[in-house]
Amino acid sequence: MTHHRSDDIAPGDILLAVENVSLAFGGVKAITEVSFDIRKGEIRAIIGPNGAGKTSMLNVINGFYNPNEGRITFAGRTRPRMKPYEAASQGIARTFQNVALFKGMSTLDNIMAGRTLKMRRNFFWQALRHGPALDEEIEHRKFCEEIIDFLEIEHIRKTPVGKLPYGLQKRVELGRALAMEPTLLLLDEPMAGMNLEEKEDMSRFVIDVNNHYGTTIALIEHDIGVVMDLSDRIVVLEYGRKIADGTPAEVKSDQKVIDAYLGVAH
C-alpha cells in the first residue's frame, strides 16, 4: 500500500479506515467485526445506545486500545500497535467525556500545553529561552491566541480553568486539541452535560472548526438532534456491532436504528 502523509490526501478521500475490528476485555466483547471509514474533511458521527462500544471504538482509533483483530489504516498507512502519544504525533487529537484540563492553569496555558507536541526544540533550548526557542515560543503563542479569538474566549484567557463554568471548560478543551493542529479530531460526547444554549454554541464551533481549519472530525454524541444537524455521515453501533452506516437521512429511516433507539423487541 502506498504511504501518504495525511496532507497528501484529498478532501473526500479516505483518511482513516477501520477494518473488521474486534476488541474484547476478558471474555466480554466490546466491539465485534466493525468496519467503517472516515473521509478527509467530513464530520463523522458514531452513535448508539449505552454499552454499544462507541468509546471503545474511539479508544481504538486513538491508540489507547489495540484491537484483538482487524486493523486501522490512517493516511494510507496500516498502523502497527501504537500508543496514544504516537497517534497524537501523527495528527490525531482527542477530547474526553470528563474534561481533562489542568484546573489550576489559565485558559491560555492549557491551550499552550496542547501546543507542546508541536514544539520541536529540545529542553535545553527551551530552558535558555532565547534564540530559536524563543522565536518558536512566540510563534506558538501567536497560534494559541488565534485559537482563543476563534473560540471567542478572549475574556477568560487568564482565568484558571477550574473556575470556569462547564460549557466554557469544554470549549477550552476543544482549544487545547486544536492547538495540536490535528488532521483528525476525536470528540467524545462534546455536548454531554450542557444546557441547550451551550449545546448550540458547541455545535457552531464544531462546524466552524471543520470549515475554518478543514479539520476532519469524528464524534460520539448522545443527542440525536445534534448528530443529525452536524454530521455528514453516521455509523451506528449496538452491542459492539455495526447496525447502520450512511447519511443522517439514511440512518434516520433505518428500521434497525429505530428499533435500537426505541427499545423495540428484536
Protein backbone atom coordinates (compact mmCIF):
# COMPACT_ATOMS: atom_id res chain seq x y z
CA MET A 1 0.00 0.00 0.00
CA THR A 2 1.33 3.46 -0.78
CA HIS A 3 2.28 5.55 2.19
CA HIS A 4 0.83 9.05 2.24
CA ARG A 5 1.18 11.89 4.63
CA SER A 6 -2.24 12.97 5.80
CA ASP A 7 -1.86 16.29 3.95
CA ASP A 8 -1.38 14.38 0.68
CA ILE A 9 -4.91 13.00 0.93
CA ALA A 10 -7.52 14.99 -0.96
CA PRO A 11 -10.77 16.06 0.72
CA GLY A 12 -13.35 13.30 0.30
CA ASP A 13 -10.73 10.56 0.13
CA ILE A 14 -10.48 8.02 2.96
CA LEU A 15 -8.36 9.40 5.81
CA LEU A 16 -8.94 6.60 8.30
CA ALA A 17 -10.29 3.09 7.76
CA VAL A 18 -11.46 0.70 10.46
CA GLU A 19 -11.33 -2.82 9.02
CA ASN A 20 -13.02 -5.78 10.74
CA VAL A 21 -12.00 -4.56 14.20
CA SER A 22 -12.84 -6.68 17.23
CA LEU A 23 -11.96 -5.87 20.84
CA ALA A 24 -12.63 -7.93 23.95
CA PHE A 25 -11.88 -7.44 27.64
CA GLY A 26 -11.54 -10.82 29.32
CA GLY A 27 -14.28 -12.79 27.60
CA VAL A 28 -16.51 -9.77 27.09
CA LYS A 29 -16.73 -8.45 23.54
CA ALA A 30 -16.77 -4.65 23.35
CA ILE A 31 -16.55 -4.47 19.54
CA THR A 32 -17.25 -7.27 17.05
CA GLU A 33 -16.05 -7.13 13.42
CA VAL A 34 -16.75 -3.44 12.85
CA SER A 35 -15.71 -1.73 9.60
CA PHE A 36 -16.23 1.88 8.52
CA ASP A 37 -14.17 4.77 7.21
CA ILE A 38 -13.71 8.48 7.82
CA ARG A 39 -13.23 10.73 4.79
CA LYS A 40 -10.95 13.72 4.87
CA GLY A 41 -12.85 16.91 5.66
CA GLU A 42 -16.07 15.36 6.93
CA ILE A 43 -17.87 15.37 10.26
CA ARG A 44 -18.42 11.70 11.05
CA ALA A 45 -20.61 10.63 13.97
CA ILE A 46 -20.52 7.36 15.91
CA ILE A 47 -23.80 6.79 17.71
CA GLY A 48 -25.64 4.02 19.53
CA PRO A 49 -27.34 3.20 22.83
CA ASN A 50 -25.33 2.92 26.07
CA GLY A 51 -22.92 0.00 26.01
CA ALA A 52 -22.77 -0.01 22.20
CA GLY A 53 -18.95 0.22 22.15
CA LYS A 54 -18.64 3.84 21.00
CA THR A 55 -15.95 4.97 23.45
CA SER A 56 -14.07 1.69 22.94
CA MET A 57 -14.08 2.44 19.21
CA LEU A 58 -12.67 5.92 19.80
CA ASN A 59 -10.03 4.41 22.08
CA VAL A 60 -9.00 2.03 19.29
CA ILE A 61 -8.76 4.89 16.79
CA ASN A 62 -6.50 6.96 19.05
CA GLY A 63 -4.25 4.06 20.04
CA PHE A 64 -5.42 3.72 23.65
CA TYR A 65 -6.54 0.15 22.91
CA ASN A 66 -5.07 -2.17 20.32
CA PRO A 67 -7.74 -4.31 18.63
CA ASN A 68 -7.65 -8.10 19.10
CA GLU A 69 -8.49 -8.50 15.41
CA GLY A 70 -8.70 -6.26 12.38
CA ARG A 71 -6.68 -3.18 11.58
CA ILE A 72 -6.68 0.59 11.43
CA THR A 73 -5.33 2.41 8.38
CA PHE A 74 -4.59 6.11 8.80
CA ALA A 75 -3.42 8.37 5.97
CA GLY A 76 -2.77 5.34 3.77
CA ARG A 77 -0.61 3.58 6.35
CA THR A 78 -1.71 0.48 8.23
CA ARG A 79 -0.86 1.10 11.83
CA PRO A 80 1.15 -1.27 13.96
CA ARG A 81 0.36 -1.44 17.67
CA MET A 82 0.70 2.10 18.91
CA LYS A 83 0.34 4.36 21.91
CA PRO A 84 -1.86 7.47 22.15
CA TYR A 85 1.15 9.83 22.04
CA GLU A 86 2.19 8.24 18.72
CA ALA A 87 -1.32 8.73 17.36
CA ALA A 88 -1.15 12.33 18.57
CA SER A 89 2.18 12.94 16.86
CA GLN A 90 0.67 11.58 13.62
CA GLY A 91 -2.16 14.10 13.81
CA ILE A 92 -4.96 12.51 15.87
CA ALA A 93 -6.21 14.63 18.80
CA ARG A 94 -8.89 13.73 21.31
CA THR A 95 -11.19 15.30 23.89
CA PHE A 96 -12.73 13.30 26.71
CA GLN A 97 -16.17 12.82 28.29
CA ASN A 98 -14.87 14.19 31.58
CA VAL A 99 -12.94 17.37 30.95
CA ALA A 100 -9.22 16.62 31.27
CA LEU A 101 -7.74 20.08 31.76
CA PHE A 102 -5.13 21.44 34.16
CA LYS A 103 -7.60 23.07 36.55
CA GLY A 104 -5.11 25.44 38.23
CA MET A 105 -3.72 26.73 34.94
CA SER A 106 -5.17 29.53 32.86
CA THR A 107 -7.05 29.06 29.60
CA LEU A 108 -4.02 30.28 27.63
CA ASP A 109 -1.62 27.95 29.46
CA ASN A 110 -3.93 24.96 28.90
CA ILE A 111 -4.03 25.70 25.17
CA MET A 112 -0.25 26.22 25.11
CA ALA A 113 0.07 22.79 26.76
CA GLY A 114 -1.63 21.28 23.71
CA ARG A 115 0.92 23.07 21.60
CA THR A 116 3.92 21.43 23.29
CA LEU A 117 3.57 18.48 20.93
CA LYS A 118 4.44 20.89 18.15
CA MET A 119 7.48 22.31 19.94
CA ARG A 120 10.48 20.95 18.11
CA ARG A 121 13.37 22.44 20.08
CA ASN A 122 14.79 20.32 22.86
CA PHE A 123 14.52 21.12 26.54
CA PHE A 124 18.00 22.71 26.63
CA TRP A 125 16.92 25.39 24.15
CA GLN A 126 13.62 25.89 25.97
CA ALA A 127 15.47 26.37 29.24
CA LEU A 128 17.69 29.07 27.74
CA ARG A 129 14.62 30.87 26.39
CA HIS A 130 16.46 32.72 23.69
CA GLY A 131 17.39 32.36 20.06
CA PRO A 132 15.50 29.71 18.11
CA ALA A 133 13.48 28.52 21.12
CA LEU A 134 12.19 31.97 21.96
CA ASP A 135 11.25 32.61 18.32
CA GLU A 136 9.42 29.32 18.31
CA GLU A 137 7.61 30.07 21.56
CA ILE A 138 6.43 33.44 20.21
CA GLU A 139 5.14 31.72 17.07
CA HIS A 140 3.31 29.06 19.13
CA ARG A 141 1.81 31.67 21.43
CA LYS A 142 0.53 33.59 18.39
CA PHE A 143 -1.16 30.43 17.09
CA CYS A 144 -2.76 29.82 20.51
CA GLU A 145 -4.01 33.41 20.68
CA GLU A 146 -5.63 32.90 17.26
CA ILE A 147 -7.46 29.84 18.61
CA ILE A 148 -8.61 31.86 21.63
CA ASP A 149 -10.01 34.54 19.29
CA PHE A 150 -11.59 31.89 17.07
CA LEU A 151 -13.36 30.21 20.02
CA GLU A 152 -14.40 33.61 21.45
CA ILE A 153 -12.74 33.04 24.83
CA GLU A 154 -10.51 36.15 24.99
CA HIS A 155 -12.31 37.27 28.18
CA ILE A 156 -11.13 34.15 30.06
CA ARG A 157 -7.62 33.78 28.66
CA LYS A 158 -6.03 34.44 32.10
CA THR A 159 -8.70 32.68 34.18
CA PRO A 160 -7.81 29.37 35.89
CA VAL A 161 -9.99 26.83 34.08
CA GLY A 162 -11.18 25.27 37.34
CA LYS A 163 -13.12 28.49 37.98
CA LEU A 164 -14.94 28.40 34.63
CA PRO A 165 -18.47 27.10 34.01
CA TYR A 166 -18.64 23.66 32.45
CA GLY A 167 -19.57 24.81 28.92
CA LEU A 168 -16.52 27.08 28.77
CA GLN A 169 -14.25 24.36 30.16
CA LYS A 170 -15.33 22.15 27.28
CA ARG A 171 -14.52 24.96 24.85
CA VAL A 172 -11.03 25.37 26.37
CA GLU A 173 -10.53 21.62 25.96
CA LEU A 174 -11.51 21.95 22.30
CA GLY A 175 -8.95 24.77 22.00
CA ARG A 176 -6.22 22.62 23.51
CA ALA A 177 -6.96 19.86 21.00
CA LEU A 178 -6.90 22.41 18.13
CA ALA A 179 -3.52 23.66 19.32
CA MET A 180 -2.11 20.31 18.18
CA GLU A 181 -3.27 21.15 14.62
CA PRO A 182 -4.83 17.69 14.26
CA THR A 183 -5.69 16.14 10.92
CA LEU A 184 -8.35 14.09 12.74
CA LEU A 185 -10.11 15.43 15.83
CA LEU A 186 -11.95 12.92 18.02
CA LEU A 187 -14.69 14.41 20.21
CA ASP A 188 -16.07 12.17 22.95
CA GLU A 189 -19.55 13.47 23.81
CA PRO A 190 -18.70 17.16 23.36
CA MET A 191 -22.25 18.19 24.35
CA ALA A 192 -22.63 15.95 27.43
CA GLY A 193 -23.96 17.80 30.48
CA MET A 194 -24.62 21.02 28.55
CA ASN A 195 -27.77 23.10 28.51
CA LEU A 196 -29.45 23.98 25.22
CA GLU A 197 -27.57 27.26 24.73
CA GLU A 198 -24.18 25.63 25.44
CA LYS A 199 -25.03 22.82 23.01
CA GLU A 200 -25.88 25.34 20.30
CA ASP A 201 -22.56 27.15 20.91
CA MET A 202 -20.55 23.93 20.82
CA SER A 203 -22.34 22.74 17.67
CA ARG A 204 -21.50 26.02 15.96
CA PHE A 205 -17.83 25.74 16.96
CA VAL A 206 -17.60 22.13 15.74
CA ILE A 207 -18.92 23.23 12.32
CA ASP A 208 -16.62 26.29 12.33
CA VAL A 209 -13.56 24.17 13.14
CA ASN A 210 -14.46 21.85 10.28
CA ASN A 211 -14.91 24.77 7.87
CA HIS A 212 -12.15 27.14 9.01
CA TYR A 213 -9.32 24.70 9.76
CA GLY A 214 -10.51 21.95 7.41
CA THR A 215 -10.20 19.54 10.34
CA THR A 216 -11.75 16.09 9.90
CA ILE A 217 -13.93 15.38 12.93
CA ALA A 218 -15.24 12.13 14.38
CA LEU A 219 -17.60 12.46 17.30
CA ILE A 220 -19.63 10.39 19.71
CA GLU A 221 -22.79 12.14 20.83
CA HIS A 222 -25.98 11.06 22.63
CA ASP A 223 -28.08 13.99 21.46
CA ILE A 224 -29.53 12.64 18.21
CA GLY A 225 -30.84 16.06 17.15
CA VAL A 226 -27.31 17.47 17.35
CA VAL A 227 -25.89 14.49 15.44
CA MET A 228 -28.44 14.80 12.64
CA ASP A 229 -27.69 18.52 12.26
CA LEU A 230 -23.89 18.29 12.42
CA SER A 231 -22.87 15.12 10.66
CA ASP A 232 -22.08 14.32 7.06
CA ARG A 233 -22.28 10.57 7.80
CA ILE A 234 -23.22 8.47 10.80
CA VAL A 235 -22.18 4.97 11.83
CA VAL A 236 -24.50 3.25 14.33
CA LEU A 237 -23.28 0.64 16.81
CA GLU A 238 -25.37 -1.63 19.01
CA TYR A 239 -23.86 -4.19 21.40
CA GLY A 240 -20.50 -3.66 19.72
CA ARG A 241 -21.72 -4.41 16.20
CA LYS A 242 -22.37 -2.04 13.31
CA ILE A 243 -26.08 -1.93 12.50
CA ALA A 244 -26.16 1.03 10.09
CA ASP A 245 -23.91 3.46 8.25
CA GLY A 246 -24.86 6.36 5.99
CA THR A 247 -26.10 9.92 5.74
CA PRO A 248 -28.34 11.33 8.50
CA ALA A 249 -31.39 10.83 6.26
CA GLU A 250 -30.49 7.18 5.55
CA VAL A 251 -29.76 6.40 9.19
CA LYS A 252 -32.87 8.13 10.49
CA SER A 253 -35.13 5.99 8.32
CA ASP A 254 -33.31 2.68 9.00
CA GLN A 255 -35.64 0.32 10.87
CA LYS A 256 -32.76 -1.33 12.78
CA VAL A 257 -31.73 2.08 14.14
CA ILE A 258 -35.30 3.00 15.06
CA ASP A 259 -35.67 -0.31 16.91
CA ALA A 260 -32.34 0.12 18.73
CA TYR A 261 -33.27 3.58 19.97
CA LEU A 262 -36.91 2.87 20.77
CA GLY A 263 -36.05 -0.36 22.56
CA VAL A 264 -38.42 -2.36 20.37
CA ALA A 265 -38.05 -6.11 20.94
CA HIS A 266 -35.64 -7.63 18.44
